Amino acid sequence: MEQTSPLKPNRRDKTEDKYRIAATIAFIVVIVGIGVPMWWKTTTVYRVNLPSSAIQSLSDQPIKTAVEVAIYTQQPSRAQLLITELQNAFSDSDIWNVEFKQLVPFAKAAEAHTPAALEKLLLQAHPQSVGDFIFIEWPRLEDELLLTTERSALMRSDVTSNKLAQLLHSKILQTYRINQILSTDERLGAKSEAPQPAYDVVISVLNPKPRLTHAQWNVALAAQTYIEPFLAQISDISNYTVRTQWKYRVAIEAEVKQVRDQSKLGRHYALQESALPHLLTSIAQNLSASITDKPVINLVVYIAPCSTAPMHIYNSKNEMLTRDGVDAFISPPWGGFIIANPPERVCLAHVNNEPPLAFYVNTNDNMQVMLDQLHKLLDISNEVQMAGVKTVDIEQLAPRRWEYESYMRRSAIRHIATASNTLQSLVKLLDQISYIVIDDKVATAITNSYVDILAAKAALLEHRLLDASALAKRAFVASERGFFDASLLAQLYFPDEQKYAIYIPLFLPVMVPVLSSFNMLRKLLQRKRKEKQQ
């Protein structure tokens, strides 16, 4: 009988080894080659590539604005001298690229007998673009400079270039405000927020005692006549929705003090200036007409009841703050407050226990105050005072042209700066936290904002203020949309450490047979190598 050598495995053992090796390799391929990559792929956070380095370098590209300033004088040599001195004054500016242009006198200009006629002739010969400005010499001028409601200022023959440069910096270009926007130094003062794309303007009329105070006013018609046309003139920056409402039995929670006077009523009531913030707090919760996600500007008209009327505001020095018969104040960005005191005859009837008299709220007075409040709340008006400089009063609903375009220029720069800071903060955060999802929507918003920022900067430098304003606003909206997108928080609670902590205990038992198979495969290969050697 034939015996098998112990050093040579029989045919059956060889067949089993082949199957064992094939099974081991298949097991390893399935677990390591397919399972682990599939697990890694399915647990990988989706992140779209962003132009991170380009966004971080946005601060390296300064925001510079081109402005054209024309000068007209009766003596060409004087205009050339002023331009030379002004060019030297603005030559080292980091934010302004001012182009000074001389307007040569012509025959028709000598025939103009009024400043308005001269300005009309000059603008017909030299049309202006948005953001331009012109100085027109008018010898018979009382003040050194007279700012009109358009893009112009009249100047006296003896005005200096230093005065013109001071006017340009402080009122037309508002350099100090631009420096506040662009500076990172907190000591320069608090910065106002960038204008939002949309606002709700809510006009509220408060009548705390309607049974005793029969006030009548078509506030909706007043808003359509005064407020809506004004807001339509400034809709390049933001969209406004105007709503009106009456609120009854809403009293102010503030102490008033009776003060004796020489009126027929013999008294009035003093509302201390220090109590005004508490007054707003007491009525704010009763003013919301509906739930809205847009910022709200409140314009409140409070009809004081005769029991505490007339009511006037006093400061800490016990001085009455009534101006032109109006008691009002603003609290940015909340809104404005106006005290509408009933006529004296109405309160006399109340004191004499006579039946209540109906009266109409003065539309013109209150609407003019509201327009002035909107100028300040929206940061359009310029309150800087200069010696020898006078500004023409506004006689139309639209704001002064130069004042609004300064606001437009300032808003564009603020939108660009805010959008740049938002994108840089967001990109820095996304680079630091690798498990935040960056989906296509967020990536598109960030990329579009970055592209619009570059385009807005180019438009400012190319003297296209309207285009720059629209692009900057769009960049700001896109940056806010990307920064506050809810998808950024989708997996913020599931960092990589937690992923490993959860899946390692799950896969570790599965990997034990894999490691054992590796060990078995190693032994089989070693045995085969020995057999070949023998």
Protein backbone atom coordinates (compact mmCIF):
# COMPACT_ATOMS: atom_id res chain seq x y z
CA MET A 1 0.00 0.00 0.00
CA GLU A 2 1.34 3.41 -0.98
CA GLN A 3 2.01 5.88 1.87
CA THR A 4 1.92 9.65 1.63
CA SER A 5 4.92 11.59 2.85
CA PRO A 6 4.18 13.90 5.77
CA LEU A 7 6.08 16.72 4.03
CA LYS A 8 3.86 16.58 0.97
CA PRO A 9 0.21 17.52 1.41
CA ASN A 10 -2.28 15.40 -0.44
CA ARG A 11 -4.41 16.63 -3.31
CA ARG A 12 -7.41 17.26 -1.07
CA ASP A 13 -5.46 19.62 1.22
CA LYS A 14 -4.21 21.55 -1.80
CA THR A 15 -7.75 22.00 -3.08
CA GLU A 16 -8.92 23.22 0.34
CA ASP A 17 -6.04 25.68 0.52
CA LYS A 18 -6.98 27.12 -2.85
CA TYR A 19 -10.58 27.62 -1.76
CA ARG A 20 -9.44 29.08 1.55
CA ILE A 21 -7.12 31.54 -0.18
CA ALA A 22 -9.80 32.56 -2.69
CA ALA A 23 -12.36 33.07 0.10
CA THR A 24 -9.92 35.08 2.15
CA ILE A 25 -9.00 37.34 -0.78
CA ALA A 26 -12.67 37.81 -1.68
CA PHE A 27 -13.48 38.68 1.93
CA ILE A 28 -10.65 41.21 2.09
CA VAL A 29 -11.62 42.76 -1.25
CA VAL A 30 -15.25 43.17 -0.20
CA ILE A 31 -14.46 44.68 3.20
CA VAL A 32 -11.36 46.72 2.43
CA GLY A 33 -11.76 47.40 -1.27
CA ILE A 34 -15.49 48.09 -1.36
CA GLY A 35 -16.86 48.54 2.17
CA VAL A 36 -14.33 51.04 3.55
CA PRO A 37 -14.34 53.33 0.45
CA MET A 38 -18.13 53.22 0.35
CA TRP A 39 -18.32 54.13 4.03
CA TRP A 40 -15.82 56.95 3.54
CA LYS A 41 -17.69 58.28 0.52
CA THR A 42 -21.12 58.18 2.15
CA THR A 43 -19.86 59.95 5.30
CA THR A 44 -17.87 62.63 3.46
CA VAL A 45 -19.31 66.18 3.78
CA TYR A 46 -20.35 67.74 0.47
CA ARG A 47 -18.28 70.87 -0.10
CA VAL A 48 -18.13 72.93 -3.28
CA ASN A 49 -14.80 74.57 -3.99
CA LEU A 50 -14.73 78.31 -3.29
CA PRO A 51 -12.33 81.07 -4.42
CA SER A 52 -11.07 81.34 -0.83
CA SER A 53 -7.70 82.95 -1.54
CA ALA A 54 -9.24 85.51 -3.89
CA ILE A 55 -11.90 86.41 -1.31
CA GLN A 56 -9.30 86.79 1.45
CA SER A 57 -7.38 89.21 -0.77
CA LEU A 58 -10.37 91.54 -1.24
CA SER A 59 -8.98 93.82 1.46
CA ASP A 60 -5.80 94.22 -0.55
CA GLN A 61 -7.76 95.96 -3.30
CA PRO A 62 -8.77 99.43 -1.95
CA ILE A 63 -12.17 100.95 -2.70
CA LYS A 64 -11.52 104.07 -4.73
CA THR A 65 -14.22 106.31 -6.21
CA ALA A 66 -14.03 108.59 -9.23
CA VAL A 67 -15.79 111.96 -9.03
CA GLU A 68 -15.92 114.77 -11.56
CA VAL A 69 -16.01 118.35 -10.26
CA ALA A 70 -16.48 121.22 -12.74
CA ILE A 71 -15.54 124.83 -11.98
CA TYR A 72 -16.84 127.89 -13.82
CA THR A 73 -15.48 131.37 -13.28
CA GLN A 74 -15.69 134.55 -15.30
CA GLN A 75 -11.89 134.72 -15.38
CA PRO A 76 -10.43 131.49 -16.89
CA SER A 77 -7.11 132.07 -15.14
CA ARG A 78 -8.82 132.02 -11.75
CA ALA A 79 -10.55 128.71 -12.54
CA GLN A 80 -7.23 127.20 -13.64
CA LEU A 81 -5.57 128.36 -10.41
CA LEU A 82 -8.36 126.84 -8.28
CA ILE A 83 -8.14 123.56 -10.19
CA THR A 84 -4.36 123.35 -9.75
CA GLU A 85 -4.62 123.94 -6.01
CA LEU A 86 -7.50 121.46 -5.65
CA GLN A 87 -5.62 118.80 -7.58
CA ASN A 88 -2.73 119.17 -5.17
CA ALA A 89 -5.12 118.92 -2.22
CA PHE A 90 -6.61 115.62 -3.47
CA SER A 91 -3.47 114.12 -5.01
CA ASP A 92 -2.62 111.95 -2.00
CA SER A 93 -6.16 110.70 -1.34
CA ASP A 94 -6.54 106.95 -0.90
CA ILE A 95 -10.28 106.88 -1.53
CA TRP A 96 -10.98 109.65 -4.05
CA ASN A 97 -9.99 109.98 -7.67
CA VAL A 98 -11.30 113.50 -8.29
CA GLU A 99 -11.17 114.88 -11.83
CA PHE A 100 -11.42 118.68 -11.89
CA LYS A 101 -12.79 120.16 -15.09
CA GLN A 102 -12.69 123.79 -16.18
CA LEU A 103 -15.75 125.26 -17.93
CA VAL A 104 -14.73 127.98 -20.35
CA PRO A 105 -16.95 131.13 -20.40
CA PHE A 106 -19.13 131.57 -23.47
CA ALA A 107 -21.24 134.39 -24.90
CA LYS A 108 -24.64 133.28 -23.64
CA ALA A 109 -23.34 132.91 -20.08
CA ALA A 110 -22.71 136.65 -19.88
CA GLU A 111 -26.39 137.27 -20.65
CA ALA A 112 -27.65 135.28 -17.65
CA HIS A 113 -29.05 137.61 -14.99
CA THR A 114 -29.81 135.01 -12.32
CA PRO A 115 -27.80 132.10 -10.89
CA ALA A 116 -30.53 129.65 -11.96
CA ALA A 117 -30.36 130.88 -15.57
CA LEU A 118 -26.56 130.62 -15.60
CA GLU A 119 -26.67 127.10 -14.15
CA LYS A 120 -29.22 126.05 -16.77
CA LEU A 121 -27.02 127.31 -19.61
CA LEU A 122 -23.93 125.61 -18.20
CA LEU A 123 -25.70 122.27 -17.77
CA GLN A 124 -27.07 122.44 -21.29
CA ALA A 125 -23.55 122.89 -22.62
CA HIS A 126 -21.95 120.43 -20.18
CA PRO A 127 -24.41 117.72 -19.04
CA GLN A 128 -23.72 116.11 -15.68
CA SER A 129 -23.62 112.45 -14.72
CA VAL A 130 -24.84 110.95 -11.46
CA GLY A 131 -22.43 111.94 -8.70
CA ASP A 132 -20.94 114.97 -10.49
CA PHE A 133 -20.73 118.44 -8.98
CA ILE A 134 -20.18 121.96 -10.25
CA PHE A 135 -19.02 125.22 -8.67
CA ILE A 136 -20.42 128.34 -10.34
CA GLU A 137 -18.97 131.78 -9.62
CA TRP A 138 -21.56 134.45 -8.86
CA PRO A 139 -19.96 137.72 -7.70
CA ARG A 140 -23.11 139.18 -6.08
CA LEU A 141 -23.30 136.49 -3.40
CA GLU A 142 -23.65 137.29 0.29
CA ASP A 143 -22.16 134.06 1.60
CA GLU A 144 -18.92 132.52 0.43
CA LEU A 145 -20.74 129.42 -0.81
CA LEU A 146 -24.40 128.62 -1.41
CA LEU A 147 -25.35 124.96 -1.83
CA THR A 148 -28.38 124.46 -4.07
CA THR A 149 -30.78 121.53 -4.14
CA GLU A 150 -29.13 120.18 -7.30
CA ARG A 151 -25.54 119.11 -8.02
CA SER A 152 -24.17 122.62 -7.75
CA ALA A 153 -22.95 125.38 -5.46
CA LEU A 154 -22.60 129.10 -6.06
CA MET A 155 -19.31 130.63 -4.97
CA ARG A 156 -18.25 134.19 -4.37
CA SER A 157 -15.36 135.66 -6.34
CA ASP A 158 -13.05 135.73 -3.31
CA VAL A 159 -13.55 132.13 -2.17
CA THR A 160 -10.35 130.13 -1.73
CA SER A 161 -9.48 126.63 -2.88
CA ASN A 162 -9.13 125.57 0.77
CA LYS A 163 -12.78 126.47 1.31
CA LEU A 164 -13.83 124.49 -1.77
CA ALA A 165 -11.79 121.47 -0.63
CA GLN A 166 -13.31 121.71 2.84
CA LEU A 167 -16.83 121.78 1.37
CA LEU A 168 -16.09 118.80 -0.87
CA HIS A 169 -14.66 116.73 1.98
CA SER A 170 -17.28 117.57 4.63
CA LYS A 171 -20.57 117.80 2.71
CA ILE A 172 -20.33 116.57 -0.90
CA LEU A 173 -17.99 113.59 -0.56
CA GLN A 174 -18.33 113.20 3.24
CA THR A 175 -14.81 111.85 3.58
CA TYR A 176 -15.02 111.51 7.37
CA ARG A 177 -17.96 109.10 7.03
CA ILE A 178 -16.21 107.05 4.37
CA ASN A 179 -13.16 106.77 6.64
CA GLN A 180 -15.42 105.49 9.42
CA ILE A 181 -16.82 102.82 7.09
CA LEU A 182 -13.45 101.66 5.80
CA SER A 183 -11.50 101.91 9.04
CA THR A 184 -11.02 98.96 11.37
CA ASP A 185 -10.23 101.25 14.29
CA GLU A 186 -13.10 101.09 16.80
CA ARG A 187 -12.05 104.44 18.27
CA LEU A 188 -13.46 106.26 15.23
CA GLY A 189 -16.95 105.69 16.61
CA ALA A 190 -19.85 103.36 16.07
CA LYS A 191 -20.59 102.48 12.49
CA SER A 192 -24.16 102.46 11.26
CA GLU A 193 -25.46 99.32 9.62
CA ALA A 194 -25.57 98.93 5.87
CA PRO A 195 -28.94 99.87 4.32
CA GLN A 196 -31.20 96.84 4.05
CA PRO A 197 -32.77 95.91 0.68
CA ALA A 198 -36.33 96.49 1.98
CA TYR A 199 -38.06 98.33 4.83
CA ASP A 200 -41.55 98.60 6.24
CA VAL A 201 -42.47 102.18 7.11
CA VAL A 202 -45.36 102.07 9.60
CA ILE A 203 -47.15 105.35 10.39
CA SER A 204 -49.11 104.96 13.63
CA VAL A 205 -51.56 107.49 15.08
CA LEU A 206 -52.10 106.96 18.82
CA ASN A 207 -55.28 108.30 20.41
CA PRO A 208 -55.31 107.14 24.05
CA LYS A 209 -58.77 108.58 24.82
CA PRO A 210 -60.95 108.46 21.70
CA ARG A 211 -64.18 109.19 23.61
CA LEU A 212 -62.84 112.50 24.87
CA THR A 213 -60.48 113.39 22.00
CA HIS A 214 -62.31 113.45 18.66
CA ALA A 215 -59.28 113.68 16.39
CA GLN A 216 -59.88 113.30 12.67
CA TRP A 217 -57.21 112.65 10.07
CA ASN A 218 -56.98 110.78 6.79
CA VAL A 219 -53.50 109.51 7.54
CA ALA A 220 -53.52 107.10 4.58
CA LEU A 221 -54.09 109.97 2.13
CA ALA A 222 -51.40 112.04 3.88
CA ALA A 223 -48.92 109.17 3.50
CA GLN A 224 -49.76 108.79 -0.20
CA THR A 225 -49.31 112.53 -0.74
CA TYR A 226 -46.08 113.10 1.20
CA ILE A 227 -44.27 109.96 2.34
CA GLU A 228 -44.67 107.60 -0.62
CA PRO A 229 -43.48 110.12 -3.28
CA PHE A 230 -40.44 110.91 -1.13
CA LEU A 231 -39.55 107.25 -0.66
CA ALA A 232 -40.03 106.62 -4.38
CA GLN A 233 -37.28 109.18 -5.04
CA ILE A 234 -34.77 107.23 -2.95
CA SER A 235 -35.71 103.67 -3.99
CA ASP A 236 -32.34 103.07 -5.70
CA ILE A 237 -30.91 101.87 -2.40
CA SER A 238 -33.89 100.18 -0.71
CA ASN A 239 -37.52 99.33 -1.37
CA TYR A 240 -40.11 100.73 1.00
CA THR A 241 -43.61 99.58 1.91
CA VAL A 242 -45.73 102.21 3.65
CA ARG A 243 -48.55 101.22 6.00
CA THR A 244 -50.75 103.32 8.26
CA GLN A 245 -52.76 102.46 11.34
CA TRP A 246 -54.78 103.99 14.18
CA LYS A 247 -54.21 102.73 17.70
CA TYR A 248 -56.64 103.53 20.50
CA ARG A 249 -56.25 103.38 24.26
CA VAL A 250 -52.47 103.19 23.98
CA ALA A 251 -51.14 105.61 26.57
CA ILE A 252 -47.52 106.55 27.12
CA GLU A 253 -46.05 105.38 30.38
CA ALA A 254 -44.12 108.47 31.37
CA GLU A 255 -44.52 111.02 34.12
CA VAL A 256 -45.41 114.54 33.07
CA LYS A 257 -45.14 117.62 35.24
CA GLN A 258 -47.58 120.52 35.18
CA VAL A 259 -46.02 123.90 34.41
CA ARG A 260 -47.85 127.21 34.80
CA ASP A 261 -47.81 129.62 31.85
CA GLN A 262 -49.62 132.66 30.38
CA SER A 263 -51.87 130.77 27.95
CA LYS A 264 -55.67 130.67 28.21
CA LEU A 265 -55.39 127.25 29.80
CA GLY A 266 -52.89 128.62 32.30
CA ARG A 267 -50.67 125.52 32.16
CA HIS A 268 -48.91 122.98 30.05
CA TYR A 269 -47.21 119.68 30.79
CA ALA A 270 -43.48 118.93 30.70
CA LEU A 271 -42.16 115.60 29.43
CA GLN A 272 -38.54 115.11 30.45
CA GLU A 273 -36.07 114.17 27.73
CA SER A 274 -34.61 111.44 29.97
CA ALA A 275 -38.00 109.65 29.96
CA LEU A 276 -38.20 109.34 26.17
CA PRO A 277 -36.53 105.87 25.90
CA HIS A 278 -39.00 104.48 28.46
CA LEU A 279 -41.84 106.08 26.51
CA LEU A 280 -40.86 104.19 23.35
CA THR A 281 -40.54 100.94 25.26
CA SER A 282 -44.08 101.32 26.64
CA ILE A 283 -45.69 101.73 23.21
CA ALA A 284 -43.42 99.56 21.01
CA GLN A 285 -45.24 96.30 21.75
CA ASN A 286 -48.57 97.82 20.65
CA LEU A 287 -47.38 99.12 17.26
CA SER A 288 -46.75 95.98 15.23
CA ALA A 289 -49.43 95.78 12.55
CA SER A 290 -48.34 92.37 11.29
CA ILE A 291 -45.43 89.96 11.44
CA THR A 292 -42.75 90.87 8.93
CA ASP A 293 -39.16 89.81 8.35
CA LYS A 294 -38.21 93.27 7.06
CA PRO A 295 -36.77 96.01 9.28
CA VAL A 296 -39.46 98.42 10.46
CA ILE A 297 -39.22 102.20 10.66
CA ASN A 298 -41.89 103.50 13.04
CA LEU A 299 -43.32 107.00 12.61
CA VAL A 300 -45.64 107.73 15.53
CA VAL A 301 -48.04 110.64 15.97
CA TYR A 302 -49.28 110.82 19.57
CA ILE A 303 -52.45 112.84 20.09
CA ALA A 304 -52.12 114.07 23.65
CA PRO A 305 -55.40 114.00 25.62
CA CYS A 306 -56.54 117.35 27.03
CA SER A 307 -55.90 116.09 30.56
CA THR A 308 -52.15 116.27 29.82
CA ALA A 309 -52.12 118.73 26.91
CA PRO A 310 -50.41 120.74 25.63
CA MET A 311 -47.39 118.52 26.21
CA HIS A 312 -43.85 119.77 25.54
CA ILE A 313 -40.43 118.13 25.81
CA TYR A 314 -37.90 119.56 28.31
CA ASN A 315 -34.19 118.80 28.63
CA SER A 316 -32.16 118.27 31.79
CA LYS A 317 -31.58 122.04 32.06
CA ASN A 318 -35.35 122.57 32.24
CA GLU A 319 -35.38 124.17 28.78
CA MET A 320 -38.28 123.60 26.39
CA LEU A 321 -37.16 121.81 23.22
CA THR A 322 -40.13 122.84 21.09
CA ARG A 323 -38.98 123.98 17.64
CA ASP A 324 -41.34 125.85 15.31
CA GLY A 325 -44.28 124.77 17.43
CA VAL A 326 -43.41 121.05 17.07
CA ASP A 327 -42.40 118.60 19.78
CA ALA A 328 -40.72 115.57 18.22
CA PHE A 329 -37.68 113.35 18.54
CA ILE A 330 -36.08 110.38 16.78
CA SER A 331 -34.50 107.19 18.08
CA PRO A 332 -32.41 105.53 15.34
CA PRO A 333 -33.01 102.98 14.00
CA TRP A 334 -36.38 102.51 15.75
CA GLY A 335 -38.10 105.55 14.28
CA GLY A 336 -39.58 108.94 15.14
CA PHE A 337 -42.15 110.30 17.58
CA ILE A 338 -44.32 113.41 17.20
CA ILE A 339 -46.57 114.95 19.86
CA ALA A 340 -49.72 116.39 18.25
CA ASN A 341 -51.36 118.66 20.82
CA PRO A 342 -55.08 119.43 20.32
CA PRO A 343 -56.02 123.05 19.54
CA GLU A 344 -56.47 125.31 22.55
CA ARG A 345 -60.23 125.64 21.96
CA VAL A 346 -60.65 121.87 22.24
CA CYS A 347 -58.91 121.72 25.61
CA LEU A 348 -60.78 124.80 26.86
CA ALA A 349 -64.05 122.99 26.16
CA HIS A 350 -62.69 119.98 28.08
CA VAL A 351 -61.71 122.13 31.09
CA ASN A 352 -65.16 123.75 31.12
CA ASN A 353 -66.86 120.32 31.02
CA GLU A 354 -68.37 121.02 27.61
CA PRO A 355 -69.04 118.28 25.03
CA PRO A 356 -65.87 117.16 23.19
CA LEU A 357 -65.07 119.15 20.07
CA ALA A 358 -63.88 117.45 16.91
CA PHE A 359 -60.70 118.73 15.31
CA TYR A 360 -58.45 117.86 12.38
CA VAL A 361 -54.82 116.91 12.83
CA ASN A 362 -52.58 119.27 10.84
CA THR A 363 -51.39 117.22 7.86
CA ASN A 364 -48.75 119.58 6.51
CA ASP A 365 -46.98 120.19 9.82
CA ASN A 366 -46.83 116.53 10.81
CA MET A 367 -45.81 115.28 7.38
CA GLN A 368 -43.02 117.84 7.12
CA VAL A 369 -41.69 116.66 10.46
CA MET A 370 -41.91 113.02 9.30
CA LEU A 371 -39.97 113.81 6.14
CA ASP A 372 -37.25 115.46 8.21
CA GLN A 373 -37.20 112.43 10.51
CA LEU A 374 -36.85 110.07 7.52
CA HIS A 375 -33.90 112.13 6.26
CA LYS A 376 -32.14 111.52 9.57
CA LEU A 377 -33.28 107.93 10.16
CA LEU A 378 -32.11 106.87 6.69
CA ASP A 379 -28.87 108.82 7.18
CA ILE A 380 -29.44 110.99 4.12
CA SER A 381 -29.23 114.45 5.68
CA ASN A 382 -25.90 116.13 6.35
CA GLU A 383 -25.85 118.11 9.59
CA VAL A 384 -22.28 119.42 9.27
CA GLN A 385 -22.17 123.21 9.65
CA MET A 386 -19.51 125.35 7.98
CA ALA A 387 -18.83 129.03 8.48
CA GLY A 388 -19.62 131.04 5.36
CA VAL A 389 -21.59 128.19 3.77
CA LYS A 390 -25.37 128.28 3.42
CA THR A 391 -27.67 125.56 2.12
CA VAL A 392 -30.88 126.28 0.23
CA ASP A 393 -33.99 124.99 2.01
CA ILE A 394 -35.79 122.02 0.46
CA GLU A 395 -38.97 123.12 -1.31
CA GLN A 396 -39.87 119.77 -2.86
CA LEU A 397 -40.55 116.25 -1.60
CA ALA A 398 -37.39 114.82 -3.13
CA PRO A 399 -34.15 115.26 -1.16
CA ARG A 400 -31.37 117.52 -2.35
CA ARG A 401 -29.73 115.93 -5.37
CA TRP A 402 -26.14 116.21 -4.12
CA GLU A 403 -27.17 115.01 -0.66
CA TYR A 404 -28.91 111.91 -1.97
CA GLU A 405 -26.09 111.03 -4.34
CA SER A 406 -23.64 111.36 -1.45
CA TYR A 407 -25.86 108.93 0.42
CA MET A 408 -25.89 106.62 -2.61
CA ARG A 409 -22.11 106.73 -2.89
CA ARG A 410 -21.69 106.14 0.83
CA SER A 411 -24.18 103.24 0.78
CA ALA A 412 -22.39 101.59 -2.14
CA ILE A 413 -19.06 101.75 -0.29
CA ARG A 414 -20.68 100.46 2.89
CA HIS A 415 -22.33 97.59 1.00
CA ILE A 416 -19.01 96.66 -0.61
CA ALA A 417 -17.12 96.82 2.70
CA THR A 418 -19.81 94.88 4.58
CA ALA A 419 -20.10 92.20 1.89
CA SER A 420 -16.30 91.82 1.75
CA ASN A 421 -16.06 91.40 5.53
CA THR A 422 -18.95 88.92 5.51
CA LEU A 423 -17.38 86.77 2.78
CA GLN A 424 -13.97 86.83 4.43
CA SER A 425 -15.42 85.80 7.78
CA LEU A 426 -17.47 83.04 6.17
CA VAL A 427 -14.59 81.65 4.10
CA LYS A 428 -12.31 81.69 7.14
CA LEU A 429 -14.92 79.79 9.13
CA LEU A 430 -15.44 77.23 6.37
CA ASP A 431 -11.70 76.65 6.04
CA GLN A 432 -11.34 76.10 9.77
CA ILE A 433 -14.32 73.74 10.18
CA SER A 434 -14.09 71.07 7.51
CA TYR A 435 -17.37 69.34 8.32
CA ILE A 436 -19.64 72.28 7.44
CA VAL A 437 -21.64 71.54 4.29
CA ILE A 438 -21.10 73.89 1.33
CA ASP A 439 -23.88 73.12 -1.11
CA ASP A 440 -24.37 74.56 -4.58
CA LYS A 441 -26.75 77.27 -3.39
CA VAL A 442 -24.34 78.64 -0.80
CA ALA A 443 -21.39 78.40 -3.20
CA THR A 444 -23.35 80.26 -5.87
CA ALA A 445 -24.27 83.02 -3.42
CA ILE A 446 -20.66 83.41 -2.27
CA THR A 447 -19.25 83.37 -5.80
CA ASN A 448 -21.86 85.81 -7.13
CA SER A 449 -21.22 88.17 -4.23
CA TYR A 450 -17.48 88.07 -4.87
CA VAL A 451 -17.95 88.78 -8.59
CA ASP A 452 -20.36 91.66 -7.86
CA ILE A 453 -17.93 93.18 -5.35
CA LEU A 454 -15.22 93.32 -8.00
CA ALA A 455 -17.67 94.76 -10.52
CA ALA A 456 -18.92 97.38 -8.04
CA LYS A 457 -15.36 98.48 -7.26
CA ALA A 458 -14.66 98.81 -10.97
CA ALA A 459 -17.87 100.80 -11.50
CA LEU A 460 -16.93 103.26 -8.73
CA LEU A 461 -13.53 103.77 -10.28
CA GLU A 462 -15.08 104.22 -13.73
CA HIS A 463 -17.48 106.95 -12.60
CA ARG A 464 -20.63 104.79 -12.86
CA LEU A 465 -22.34 105.47 -9.55
CA LEU A 466 -25.75 103.99 -10.41
CA ASP A 467 -24.20 100.73 -11.63
CA ALA A 468 -21.91 100.60 -8.61
CA SER A 469 -24.85 101.11 -6.26
CA ALA A 470 -26.87 98.31 -7.86
CA LEU A 471 -23.92 95.90 -7.94
CA ALA A 472 -22.92 96.66 -4.36
CA LYS A 473 -26.47 96.14 -3.14
CA ARG A 474 -26.66 92.81 -4.99
CA ALA A 475 -23.30 91.73 -3.54
CA PHE A 476 -24.48 92.62 -0.03
CA VAL A 477 -27.73 90.65 -0.39
CA ALA A 478 -25.90 87.60 -1.79
CA SER A 479 -23.31 87.66 0.99
CA GLU A 480 -26.01 87.83 3.66
CA ARG A 481 -27.92 85.02 1.98
CA GLY A 482 -24.83 82.83 1.90
CA PHE A 483 -23.78 83.63 5.46
CA PHE A 484 -27.17 82.92 7.02
CA ASP A 485 -28.11 79.91 4.89
CA ALA A 486 -29.55 77.15 7.08
CA SER A 487 -27.71 74.40 5.19
CA LEU A 488 -24.45 75.52 6.79
CA LEU A 489 -25.73 74.07 10.06
CA ALA A 490 -26.91 70.77 8.57
CA GLN A 491 -23.96 68.70 9.87
CA LEU A 492 -22.42 71.17 12.26
CA TYR A 493 -23.39 68.83 15.11
CA PHE A 494 -21.57 65.86 13.47
CA PRO A 495 -17.82 66.58 13.40
CA ASP A 496 -15.16 64.16 12.18
CA GLU A 497 -14.30 63.12 15.73
CA GLN A 498 -17.88 62.07 16.33
CA LYS A 499 -17.96 60.21 13.01
CA TYR A 500 -14.95 58.14 14.05
CA ALA A 501 -16.34 57.64 17.56
CA ILE A 502 -19.57 56.20 16.17
CA TYR A 503 -18.27 54.07 13.30
CA ILE A 504 -15.07 52.62 14.76
CA PRO A 505 -16.95 50.48 17.36
CA LEU A 506 -19.19 49.31 14.52
CA PHE A 507 -16.43 48.36 12.08
CA LEU A 508 -13.84 47.13 14.57
CA PRO A 509 -15.56 43.71 15.16
CA VAL A 510 -15.89 43.30 11.40
CA MET A 511 -12.19 43.97 10.92
CA VAL A 512 -11.15 41.21 13.36
CA PRO A 513 -11.92 38.42 10.83
CA VAL A 514 -10.20 40.49 8.16
CA LEU A 515 -7.04 40.67 10.23
CA SER A 516 -7.31 36.95 11.02
CA SER A 517 -7.68 36.24 7.31
CA PHE A 518 -4.55 38.23 6.64
CA ASN A 519 -2.71 36.16 9.23
CA MET A 520 -4.02 32.88 7.77
CA LEU A 521 -3.11 33.99 4.25
CA ARG A 522 0.39 34.83 5.40
CA LYS A 523 0.83 31.34 6.91
CA LEU A 524 -0.44 29.61 3.76
CA LEU A 525 1.92 31.57 1.57
CA GLN A 526 4.83 30.78 3.87
CA ARG A 527 4.00 27.05 3.77
CA LYS A 528 3.82 27.06 -0.04
CA ARG A 529 7.16 28.83 -0.22
CA LYS A 530 8.71 26.13 1.97
CA GLU A 531 7.20 23.38 -0.18
CA LYS A 532 8.73 24.91 -3.30
CA GLN A 533 12.09 25.18 -1.63
CA GLN A 534 11.96 21.48 -0.64
